């Protein structure tokens, strides 16, 4: 069985985009906020966080130093959120099946 810190492929981008949609944050603060909100269940390692931030920056989703969403980033966040909703709903259907 996977550890609670194992993330479904692609969810790190969603978590980052959600976190910076609320207010601009630097990298360490993003990881810390995700950890706090998840009640310590999710601990994002630097080796995962910074490549994800770099990838999002290349997609024009954030700006340097303090990370904030651009218009493109907001659209990406909405797309990731819709995808997550579909995936989590489908997983829930399978788990809840009688």
PDB file of N, CA and C in Angstrom:
ATOM      1  N   UNK A   1       0.853  -1.185   0.000  1.00  0.00           N
ATOM      2  CA  UNK A   1       0.000   0.000   0.000  1.00  0.00           C
ATOM      3  C   UNK A   1       0.884   1.228   0.000  1.00  0.00           C
ATOM      4  N   UNK A   2       0.527   2.242  -0.788  1.00  0.00           N
ATOM      5  CA  UNK A   2       1.320   3.451  -0.907  1.00  0.00           C
ATOM      6  C   UNK A   2       1.279   4.297   0.346  1.00  0.00           C
ATOM      7  N   UNK A   3       2.320   5.100   0.516  1.00  0.00           N
ATOM      8  CA  UNK A   3       2.358   6.028   1.635  1.00  0.00           C
ATOM      9  C   UNK A   3       1.413   7.190   1.350  1.00  0.00           C
ATOM     10  N   UNK A   4       0.894   7.847   2.399  1.00  0.00           N
ATOM     11  CA  UNK A   4      -0.005   8.985   2.183  1.00  0.00           C
ATOM     12  C   UNK A   4       0.663  10.112   1.396  1.00  0.00           C
ATOM     13  N   UNK A   5       2.000  10.147   1.407  1.00  0.00           N
ATOM     14  CA  UNK A   5       2.694  11.213   0.701  1.00  0.00           C
ATOM     15  C   UNK A   5       2.841  10.934  -0.790  1.00  0.00           C
ATOM     16  N   UNK A   6       2.511   9.719  -1.233  1.00  0.00           N
ATOM     17  CA  UNK A   6       2.566   9.408  -2.664  1.00  0.00           C
ATOM     18  C   UNK A   6       1.430  10.141  -3.363  1.00  0.00           C
ATOM     19  N   UNK A   7       1.758  10.953  -4.354  1.00  0.00           N
ATOM     20  CA  UNK A   7       0.748  11.724  -5.069  1.00  0.00           C
ATOM     21  C   UNK A   7       0.372  11.044  -6.366  1.00  0.00           C
ATOM     22  N   UNK A   8      -0.897  11.104  -6.707  1.00  0.00           N
ATOM     23  CA  UNK A   8      -1.345  10.635  -8.010  1.00  0.00           C
ATOM     24  C   UNK A   8      -0.629  11.475  -9.057  1.00  0.00           C
ATOM     25  N   UNK A   9      -0.174  10.825 -10.114  1.00  0.00           N
ATOM     26  CA  UNK A   9       0.543  11.519 -11.187  1.00  0.00           C
ATOM     27  C   UNK A   9      -0.177  12.798 -11.603  1.00  0.00           C
ATOM     28  N   UNK A  10       0.528  13.916 -11.596  1.00  0.00           N
ATOM     29  CA  UNK A  10      -0.043  15.174 -12.063  1.00  0.00           C
ATOM     30  C   UNK A  10      -0.709  16.019 -10.989  1.00  0.00           C
ATOM     31  N   UNK A  11      -0.878  15.488  -9.786  1.00  0.00           N
ATOM     32  CA  UNK A  11      -1.577  16.278  -8.764  1.00  0.00           C
ATOM     33  C   UNK A  11      -0.699  17.361  -8.156  1.00  0.00           C
ATOM     34  N   UNK A  12       0.610  17.227  -8.232  1.00  0.00           N
ATOM     35  CA  UNK A  12       1.491  18.249  -7.663  1.00  0.00           C
ATOM     36  C   UNK A  12       1.253  19.597  -8.339  1.00  0.00           C
ATOM     37  N   UNK A  13       1.121  19.597  -9.656  1.00  0.00           N
ATOM     38  CA  UNK A  13       0.843  20.853 -10.360  1.00  0.00           C
ATOM     39  C   UNK A  13      -0.456  21.468  -9.854  1.00  0.00           C
ATOM     40  N   UNK A  14      -1.475  20.651  -9.694  1.00  0.00           N
ATOM     41  CA  UNK A  14      -2.763  21.136  -9.194  1.00  0.00           C
ATOM     42  C   UNK A  14      -2.614  21.725  -7.801  1.00  0.00           C
ATOM     43  N   UNK A  15      -1.894  21.044  -6.914  1.00  0.00           N
ATOM     44  CA  UNK A  15      -1.708  21.543  -5.554  1.00  0.00           C
ATOM     45  C   UNK A  15      -0.951  22.870  -5.547  1.00  0.00           C
ATOM     46  N   UNK A  16       0.070  22.976  -6.377  1.00  0.00           N
ATOM     47  CA  UNK A  16       0.832  24.223  -6.469  1.00  0.00           C
ATOM     48  C   UNK A  16      -0.051  25.340  -7.002  1.00  0.00           C
ATOM     49  N   UNK A  17      -0.761  25.073  -8.097  1.00  0.00           N
ATOM     50  CA  UNK A  17      -1.616  26.099  -8.695  1.00  0.00           C
ATOM     51  C   UNK A  17      -2.698  26.547  -7.721  1.00  0.00           C
ATOM     52  N   UNK A  18      -3.283  25.623  -6.988  1.00  0.00           N
ATOM     53  CA  UNK A  18      -4.298  25.987  -5.996  1.00  0.00           C
ATOM     54  C   UNK A  18      -3.690  26.872  -4.917  1.00  0.00           C
ATOM     55  N   UNK A  19      -2.526  26.503  -4.430  1.00  0.00           N
ATOM     56  CA  UNK A  19      -1.873  27.247  -3.353  1.00  0.00           C
ATOM     57  C   UNK A  19      -1.560  28.675  -3.771  1.00  0.00           C
ATOM     58  N   UNK A  20      -1.016  28.854  -4.966  1.00  0.00           N
ATOM     59  CA  UNK A  20      -0.659  30.217  -5.381  1.00  0.00           C
ATOM     60  C   UNK A  20      -1.845  30.976  -5.956  1.00  0.00           C
ATOM     61  N   UNK A  21      -2.984  30.287  -6.153  1.00  0.00           N
ATOM     62  CA  UNK A  21      -4.181  31.015  -6.595  1.00  0.00           C
ATOM     63  C   UNK A  21      -4.730  31.854  -5.440  1.00  0.00           C
ATOM     64  N   UNK A  22      -4.407  31.476  -4.224  1.00  0.00           N
ATOM     65  CA  UNK A  22      -4.894  32.195  -3.049  1.00  0.00           C
ATOM     66  C   UNK A  22      -4.063  33.437  -2.756  1.00  0.00           C
ATOM     67  N   UNK A  23      -2.737  33.318  -2.911  1.00  0.00           N
ATOM     68  CA  UNK A  23      -1.828  34.444  -2.726  1.00  0.00           C
ATOM     69  C   UNK A  23      -0.438  34.043  -3.212  1.00  0.00           C
ATOM     70  N   UNK A  24       0.353  35.018  -3.649  1.00  0.00           N
ATOM     71  CA  UNK A  24       1.714  34.705  -4.105  1.00  0.00           C
ATOM     72  C   UNK A  24       2.555  34.126  -2.962  1.00  0.00           C
ATOM     73  N   UNK A  25       3.389  33.166  -3.286  1.00  0.00           N
ATOM     74  CA  UNK A  25       4.265  32.536  -2.295  1.00  0.00           C
ATOM     75  C   UNK A  25       5.568  32.128  -2.968  1.00  0.00           C
ATOM     76  N   UNK A  26       6.625  32.069  -2.176  1.00  0.00           N
ATOM     77  CA  UNK A  26       7.877  31.531  -2.696  1.00  0.00           C
ATOM     78  C   UNK A  26       7.854  30.020  -2.543  1.00  0.00           C
ATOM     79  N   UNK A  27       8.812  29.341  -3.155  1.00  0.00           N
ATOM     80  CA  UNK A  27       8.793  27.883  -3.224  1.00  0.00           C
ATOM     81  C   UNK A  27       8.625  27.175  -1.891  1.00  0.00           C
ATOM     82  N   UNK A  28       9.458  27.519  -0.909  1.00  0.00           N
ATOM     83  CA  UNK A  28       9.383  26.848   0.381  1.00  0.00           C
ATOM     84  C   UNK A  28       8.017  27.063   1.026  1.00  0.00           C
ATOM     85  N   UNK A  29       7.463  28.277   0.904  1.00  0.00           N
ATOM     86  CA  UNK A  29       6.154  28.581   1.498  1.00  0.00           C
ATOM     87  C   UNK A  29       5.035  27.775   0.828  1.00  0.00           C
ATOM     88  N   UNK A  30       5.191  27.494  -0.463  1.00  0.00           N
ATOM     89  CA  UNK A  30       4.205  26.662  -1.163  1.00  0.00           C
ATOM     90  C   UNK A  30       4.199  25.262  -0.557  1.00  0.00           C
ATOM     91  N   UNK A  31       5.378  24.674  -0.426  1.00  0.00           N
ATOM     92  CA  UNK A  31       5.483  23.328   0.138  1.00  0.00           C
ATOM     93  C   UNK A  31       4.964  23.296   1.568  1.00  0.00           C
ATOM     94  N   UNK A  32       5.312  24.301   2.355  1.00  0.00           N
ATOM     95  CA  UNK A  32       4.879  24.382   3.749  1.00  0.00           C
ATOM     96  C   UNK A  32       3.362  24.508   3.844  1.00  0.00           C
ATOM     97  N   UNK A  33       2.757  25.318   2.994  1.00  0.00           N
ATOM     98  CA  UNK A  33       1.302  25.506   3.010  1.00  0.00           C
ATOM     99  C   UNK A  33       0.575  24.206   2.657  1.00  0.00           C
ATOM    100  N   UNK A  34       1.068  23.495   1.639  1.00  0.00           N
ATOM    101  CA  UNK A  34       0.464  22.211   1.260  1.00  0.00           C
ATOM    102  C   UNK A  34       0.560  21.237   2.431  1.00  0.00           C
ATOM    103  N   UNK A  35       1.700  21.220   3.092  1.00  0.00           N
ATOM    104  CA  UNK A  35       1.894  20.339   4.242  1.00  0.00           C
ATOM    105  C   UNK A  35       0.928  20.701   5.372  1.00  0.00           C
ATOM    106  N   UNK A  36       0.785  21.989   5.662  1.00  0.00           N
ATOM    107  CA  UNK A  36      -0.104  22.431   6.739  1.00  0.00           C
ATOM    108  C   UNK A  36      -1.566  22.125   6.432  1.00  0.00           C
ATOM    109  N   UNK A  37      -2.008  22.483   5.230  1.00  0.00           N
ATOM    110  CA  UNK A  37      -3.417  22.284   4.868  1.00  0.00           C
ATOM    111  C   UNK A  37      -3.772  20.799   4.844  1.00  0.00           C
ATOM    112  N   UNK A  38      -2.824  19.955   4.448  1.00  0.00           N
ATOM    113  CA  UNK A  38      -3.083  18.508   4.394  1.00  0.00           C
ATOM    114  C   UNK A  38      -2.907  17.844   5.755  1.00  0.00           C
ATOM    115  N   UNK A  39      -2.714  18.645   6.780  1.00  0.00           N
ATOM    116  CA  UNK A  39      -2.502  18.134   8.148  1.00  0.00           C
ATOM    117  C   UNK A  39      -1.309  17.185   8.197  1.00  0.00           C
ATOM    118  N   UNK A  40      -0.242  17.610   7.511  1.00  0.00           N
ATOM    119  CA  UNK A  40       1.041  16.900   7.487  1.00  0.00           C
ATOM    120  C   UNK A  40       1.016  15.613   6.657  1.00  0.00           C
ATOM    121  N   UNK A  41      -0.089  15.316   5.985  1.00  0.00           N
ATOM    122  CA  UNK A  41      -0.174  14.086   5.185  1.00  0.00           C
ATOM    123  C   UNK A  41       0.642  14.200   3.895  1.00  0.00           C
ATOM    124  N   UNK A  42       0.768  15.413   3.374  1.00  0.00           N
ATOM    125  CA  UNK A  42       1.522  15.623   2.140  1.00  0.00           C
ATOM    126  C   UNK A  42       2.769  16.436   2.450  1.00  0.00           C
ATOM    127  N   UNK A  43       3.912  15.874   2.139  1.00  0.00           N
ATOM    128  CA  UNK A  43       5.172  16.571   2.331  1.00  0.00           C
ATOM    129  C   UNK A  43       5.890  16.595   0.992  1.00  0.00           C
ATOM    130  N   UNK A  44       5.939  17.768   0.395  1.00  0.00           N
ATOM    131  CA  UNK A  44       6.525  17.919  -0.934  1.00  0.00           C
ATOM    132  C   UNK A  44       8.023  18.141  -0.797  1.00  0.00           C
ATOM    133  N   UNK A  45       8.792  17.253  -1.368  1.00  0.00           N
ATOM    134  CA  UNK A  45      10.243  17.347  -1.317  1.00  0.00           C
ATOM    135  C   UNK A  45      10.753  18.340  -2.362  1.00  0.00           C
ATOM    136  N   UNK A  46      11.885  18.985  -2.068  1.00  0.00           N
ATOM    137  CA  UNK A  46      12.463  19.950  -3.000  1.00  0.00           C
ATOM    138  C   UNK A  46      12.718  19.337  -4.365  1.00  0.00           C
ATOM    139  N   UNK A  47      13.104  18.068  -4.381  1.00  0.00           N
ATOM    140  CA  UNK A  47      13.379  17.385  -5.638  1.00  0.00           C
ATOM    141  C   UNK A  47      12.152  17.222  -6.519  1.00  0.00           C
ATOM    142  N   UNK A  48      10.978  17.351  -5.938  1.00  0.00           N
ATOM    143  CA  UNK A  48       9.730  17.317  -6.706  1.00  0.00           C
ATOM    144  C   UNK A  48       9.182  18.722  -6.923  1.00  0.00           C
ATOM    145  N   UNK A  49       9.278  19.562  -5.882  1.00  0.00           N
ATOM    146  CA  UNK A  49       8.694  20.900  -5.924  1.00  0.00           C
ATOM    147  C   UNK A  49       9.327  21.780  -6.995  1.00  0.00           C
ATOM    148  N   UNK A  50      10.638  21.907  -6.975  1.00  0.00           N
ATOM    149  CA  UNK A  50      11.276  22.867  -7.870  1.00  0.00           C
ATOM    150  C   UNK A  50      11.215  22.474  -9.345  1.00  0.00           C
ATOM    151  N   UNK A  51      11.332  21.185  -9.684  1.00  0.00           N
ATOM    152  CA  UNK A  51      11.088  20.831 -11.088  1.00  0.00           C
ATOM    153  C   UNK A  51       9.656  21.157 -11.527  1.00  0.00           C
ATOM    154  N   UNK A  52       8.679  20.957 -10.624  1.00  0.00           N
ATOM    155  CA  UNK A  52       7.286  21.286 -10.955  1.00  0.00           C
ATOM    156  C   UNK A  52       7.132  22.790 -11.144  1.00  0.00           C
ATOM    157  N   UNK A  53       7.747  23.586 -10.262  1.00  0.00           N
ATOM    158  CA  UNK A  53       7.678  25.043 -10.403  1.00  0.00           C
ATOM    159  C   UNK A  53       8.340  25.492 -11.704  1.00  0.00           C
ATOM    160  N   UNK A  54       9.463  24.875 -12.020  1.00  0.00           N
ATOM    161  CA  UNK A  54      10.159  25.208 -13.273  1.00  0.00           C
ATOM    162  C   UNK A  54       9.290  24.852 -14.482  1.00  0.00           C
ATOM    163  N   UNK A  55       8.655  23.696 -14.429  1.00  0.00           N
ATOM    164  CA  UNK A  55       7.766  23.262 -15.516  1.00  0.00           C
ATOM    165  C   UNK A  55       6.604  24.247 -15.676  1.00  0.00           C
ATOM    166  N   UNK A  56       6.000  24.658 -14.569  1.00  0.00           N
ATOM    167  CA  UNK A  56       4.895  25.620 -14.622  1.00  0.00           C
ATOM    168  C   UNK A  56       5.368  26.973 -15.142  1.00  0.00           C
ATOM    169  N   UNK A  57       6.577  27.363 -14.761  1.00  0.00           N
ATOM    170  CA  UNK A  57       7.125  28.629 -15.250  1.00  0.00           C
ATOM    171  C   UNK A  57       7.294  28.576 -16.765  1.00  0.00           C
ATOM    172  N   UNK A  58       7.746  27.465 -17.279  1.00  0.00           N
ATOM    173  CA  UNK A  58       7.920  27.325 -18.724  1.00  0.00           C
ATOM    174  C   UNK A  58       6.584  27.379 -19.447  1.00  0.00           C
ATOM    175  N   UNK A  59       5.501  27.023 -18.746  1.00  0.00           N
ATOM    176  CA  UNK A  59       4.154  27.092 -19.323  1.00  0.00           C
ATOM    177  C   UNK A  59       3.515  28.452 -19.068  1.00  0.00           C
ATOM    178  N   UNK A  60       4.305  29.404 -18.571  1.00  0.00           N
ATOM    179  CA  UNK A  60       3.843  30.766 -18.272  1.00  0.00           C
ATOM    180  C   UNK A  60       2.747  30.798 -17.211  1.00  0.00           C
ATOM    181  N   UNK A  61       2.827  29.888 -16.253  1.00  0.00           N
ATOM    182  CA  UNK A  61       1.814  29.841 -15.197  1.00  0.00           C
ATOM    183  C   UNK A  61       2.220  30.624 -13.959  1.00  0.00           C
ATOM    184  N   UNK A  62       3.490  30.996 -13.855  1.00  0.00           N
ATOM    185  CA  UNK A  62       3.891  31.735 -12.666  1.00  0.00           C
ATOM    186  C   UNK A  62       5.050  32.671 -12.993  1.00  0.00           C
ATOM    187  N   UNK A  63       5.325  33.592 -12.061  1.00  0.00           N
ATOM    188  CA  UNK A  63       6.432  34.525 -12.217  1.00  0.00           C
ATOM    189  C   UNK A  63       7.518  34.200 -11.189  1.00  0.00           C
ATOM    190  N   UNK A  64       8.715  34.731 -11.408  1.00  0.00           N
ATOM    191  CA  UNK A  64       9.874  34.401 -10.590  1.00  0.00           C
ATOM    192  C   UNK A  64       9.757  34.869  -9.138  1.00  0.00           C
ATOM    193  N   UNK A  65      10.573  34.271  -8.288  1.00  0.00           N
ATOM    194  CA  UNK A  65      10.714  34.536  -6.859  1.00  0.00           C
ATOM    195  C   UNK A  65       9.449  34.205  -6.078  1.00  0.00           C
ATOM    196  N   UNK A  66       8.492  35.118  -6.084  1.00  0.00           N
ATOM    197  CA  UNK A  66       7.218  34.795  -5.464  1.00  0.00           C
ATOM    198  C   UNK A  66       6.338  34.262  -6.569  1.00  0.00           C
ATOM    199  N   UNK A  67       5.757  33.126  -6.349  1.00  0.00           N
ATOM    200  CA  UNK A  67       4.988  32.464  -7.380  1.00  0.00           C
ATOM    201  C   UNK A  67       3.539  32.918  -7.308  1.00  0.00           C
ATOM    202  N   UNK A  68       3.034  33.350  -8.436  1.00  0.00           N
ATOM    203  CA  UNK A  68       1.650  33.791  -8.541  1.00  0.00           C
ATOM    204  C   UNK A  68       1.111  33.329  -9.883  1.00  0.00           C
ATOM    205  N   UNK A  69      -0.186  33.240  -9.997  1.00  0.00           N
ATOM    206  CA  UNK A  69      -0.769  32.770 -11.250  1.00  0.00           C
ATOM    207  C   UNK A  69      -0.877  33.881 -12.281  1.00  0.00           C
ATOM    208  N   UNK A  70      -0.527  33.537 -13.488  1.00  0.00           N
ATOM    209  CA  UNK A  70      -0.787  34.401 -14.631  1.00  0.00           C
ATOM    210  C   UNK A  70      -2.171  34.021 -15.156  1.00  0.00           C
ATOM    211  N   UNK A  71      -2.642  34.717 -16.160  1.00  0.00           N
ATOM    212  CA  UNK A  71      -3.915  34.321 -16.781  1.00  0.00           C
ATOM    213  C   UNK A  71      -3.839  32.894 -17.311  1.00  0.00           C
ATOM    214  N   UNK A  72      -2.726  32.595 -17.937  1.00  0.00           N
ATOM    215  CA  UNK A  72      -2.514  31.243 -18.457  1.00  0.00           C
ATOM    216  C   UNK A  72      -2.497  30.233 -17.312  1.00  0.00           C
ATOM    217  N   UNK A  73      -1.874  30.612 -16.213  1.00  0.00           N
ATOM    218  CA  UNK A  73      -1.835  29.745 -15.039  1.00  0.00           C
ATOM    219  C   UNK A  73      -3.215  29.504 -14.456  1.00  0.00           C
ATOM    220  N   UNK A  74      -4.038  30.536 -14.436  1.00  0.00           N
ATOM    221  CA  UNK A  74      -5.410  30.401 -13.919  1.00  0.00           C
ATOM    222  C   UNK A  74      -6.193  29.417 -14.800  1.00  0.00           C
ATOM    223  N   UNK A  75      -6.020  29.533 -16.136  1.00  0.00           N
ATOM    224  CA  UNK A  75      -6.690  28.597 -17.045  1.00  0.00           C
ATOM    225  C   UNK A  75      -6.193  27.173 -16.812  1.00  0.00           C
ATOM    226  N   UNK A  76      -4.887  27.031 -16.620  1.00  0.00           N
ATOM    227  CA  UNK A  76      -4.308  25.710 -16.357  1.00  0.00           C
ATOM    228  C   UNK A  76      -4.857  25.152 -15.048  1.00  0.00           C
ATOM    229  N   UNK A  77      -4.974  25.995 -14.033  1.00  0.00           N
ATOM    230  CA  UNK A  77      -5.526  25.570 -12.751  1.00  0.00           C
ATOM    231  C   UNK A  77      -6.952  25.059 -12.920  1.00  0.00           C
ATOM    232  N   UNK A  78      -7.773  25.797 -13.653  1.00  0.00           N
ATOM    233  CA  UNK A  78      -9.159  25.379 -13.880  1.00  0.00           C
ATOM    234  C   UNK A  78      -9.208  24.043 -14.618  1.00  0.00           C
ATOM    235  N   UNK A  79      -8.316  23.875 -15.597  1.00  0.00           N
ATOM    236  CA  UNK A  79      -8.260  22.627 -16.359  1.00  0.00           C
ATOM    237  C   UNK A  79      -7.830  21.466 -15.462  1.00  0.00           C
ATOM    238  N   UNK A  80      -6.791  21.689 -14.654  1.00  0.00           N
ATOM    239  CA  UNK A  80      -6.304  20.656 -13.734  1.00  0.00           C
ATOM    240  C   UNK A  80      -7.380  20.309 -12.701  1.00  0.00           C
ATOM    241  N   UNK A  81      -8.090  21.314 -12.214  1.00  0.00           N
ATOM    242  CA  UNK A  81      -9.137  21.096 -11.217  1.00  0.00           C
ATOM    243  C   UNK A  81     -10.281  20.268 -11.796  1.00  0.00           C
ATOM    244  N   UNK A  82     -10.685  20.566 -13.019  1.00  0.00           N
ATOM    245  CA  UNK A  82     -11.745  19.794 -13.677  1.00  0.00           C
ATOM    246  C   UNK A  82     -11.301  18.351 -13.898  1.00  0.00           C
ATOM    247  N   UNK A  83     -10.052  18.176 -14.298  1.00  0.00           N
ATOM    248  CA  UNK A  83      -9.513  16.836 -14.509  1.00  0.00           C
ATOM    249  C   UNK A  83      -9.482  16.061 -13.191  1.00  0.00           C
ATOM    250  N   UNK A  84      -9.058  16.722 -12.130  1.00  0.00           N
ATOM    251  CA  UNK A  84      -9.014  16.082 -10.816  1.00  0.00           C
ATOM    252  C   UNK A  84     -10.421  15.694 -10.364  1.00  0.00           C
ATOM    253  N   UNK A  85     -11.386  16.557 -10.579  1.00  0.00           N
ATOM    254  CA  UNK A  85     -12.767  16.272 -10.181  1.00  0.00           C
ATOM    255  C   UNK A  85     -13.286  15.022 -10.895  1.00  0.00           C
ATOM    256  N   UNK A  86     -12.989  14.920 -12.203  1.00  0.00           N
ATOM    257  CA  UNK A  86     -13.410  13.738 -12.952  1.00  0.00           C
ATOM    258  C   UNK A  86     -12.737  12.477 -12.424  1.00  0.00           C
ATOM    259  N   UNK A  87     -11.419  12.557 -12.209  1.00  0.00           N
ATOM    260  CA  UNK A  87     -10.663  11.401 -11.739  1.00  0.00           C
ATOM    261  C   UNK A  87     -11.104  10.982 -10.341  1.00  0.00           C
ATOM    262  N   UNK A  88     -11.201  11.929  -9.419  1.00  0.00           N
ATOM    263  CA  UNK A  88     -11.568  11.577  -8.043  1.00  0.00           C
ATOM    264  C   UNK A  88     -12.997  11.052  -7.982  1.00  0.00           C
ATOM    265  N   UNK A  89     -13.878  11.566  -8.817  1.00  0.00           N
ATOM    266  CA  UNK A  89     -15.255  11.076  -8.873  1.00  0.00           C
ATOM    267  C   UNK A  89     -15.282   9.627  -9.359  1.00  0.00           C
ATOM    268  N   UNK A  90     -14.504   9.331 -10.388  1.00  0.00           N
ATOM    269  CA  UNK A  90     -14.453   7.967 -10.929  1.00  0.00           C
ATOM    270  C   UNK A  90     -13.861   7.006  -9.896  1.00  0.00           C
ATOM    271  N   UNK A  91     -12.811   7.420  -9.205  1.00  0.00           N
ATOM    272  CA  UNK A  91     -12.207   6.577  -8.174  1.00  0.00           C
ATOM    273  C   UNK A  91     -13.215   6.332  -7.056  1.00  0.00           C
ATOM    274  N   UNK A  92     -13.914   7.394  -6.662  1.00  0.00           N
ATOM    275  CA  UNK A  92     -14.915   7.264  -5.603  1.00  0.00           C
ATOM    276  C   UNK A  92     -16.023   6.292  -5.997  1.00  0.00           C
ATOM    277  N   UNK A  93     -16.447   6.302  -7.262  1.00  0.00           N
ATOM    278  CA  UNK A  93     -17.473   5.369  -7.718  1.00  0.00           C
ATOM    279  C   UNK A  93     -17.015   3.919  -7.534  1.00  0.00           C
ATOM    280  N   UNK A  94     -15.759   3.661  -7.874  1.00  0.00           N
ATOM    281  CA  UNK A  94     -15.234   2.296  -7.759  1.00  0.00           C
ATOM    282  C   UNK A  94     -15.126   1.915  -6.280  1.00  0.00           C
ATOM    283  N   UNK A  95     -14.636   2.813  -5.454  1.00  0.00           N
ATOM    284  CA  UNK A  95     -14.460   2.524  -4.030  1.00  0.00           C
ATOM    285  C   UNK A  95     -15.797   2.317  -3.338  1.00  0.00           C
ATOM    286  N   UNK A  96     -16.802   3.081  -3.709  1.00  0.00           N
ATOM    287  CA  UNK A  96     -18.110   3.028  -3.048  1.00  0.00           C
ATOM    288  C   UNK A  96     -19.014   1.916  -3.578  1.00  0.00           C
ATOM    289  N   UNK A  97     -18.566   1.236  -4.638  1.00  0.00           N
ATOM    290  CA  UNK A  97     -19.411   0.195  -5.242  1.00  0.00           C
ATOM    291  C   UNK A  97     -19.749  -0.879  -4.203  1.00  0.00           C
ATOM    292  N   UNK A  98     -21.013  -1.252  -4.167  1.00  0.00           N
ATOM    293  CA  UNK A  98     -21.487  -2.256  -3.188  1.00  0.00           C
ATOM    294  C   UNK A  98     -21.185  -3.663  -3.650  1.00  0.00           C
TER     295      UNK A  98
END
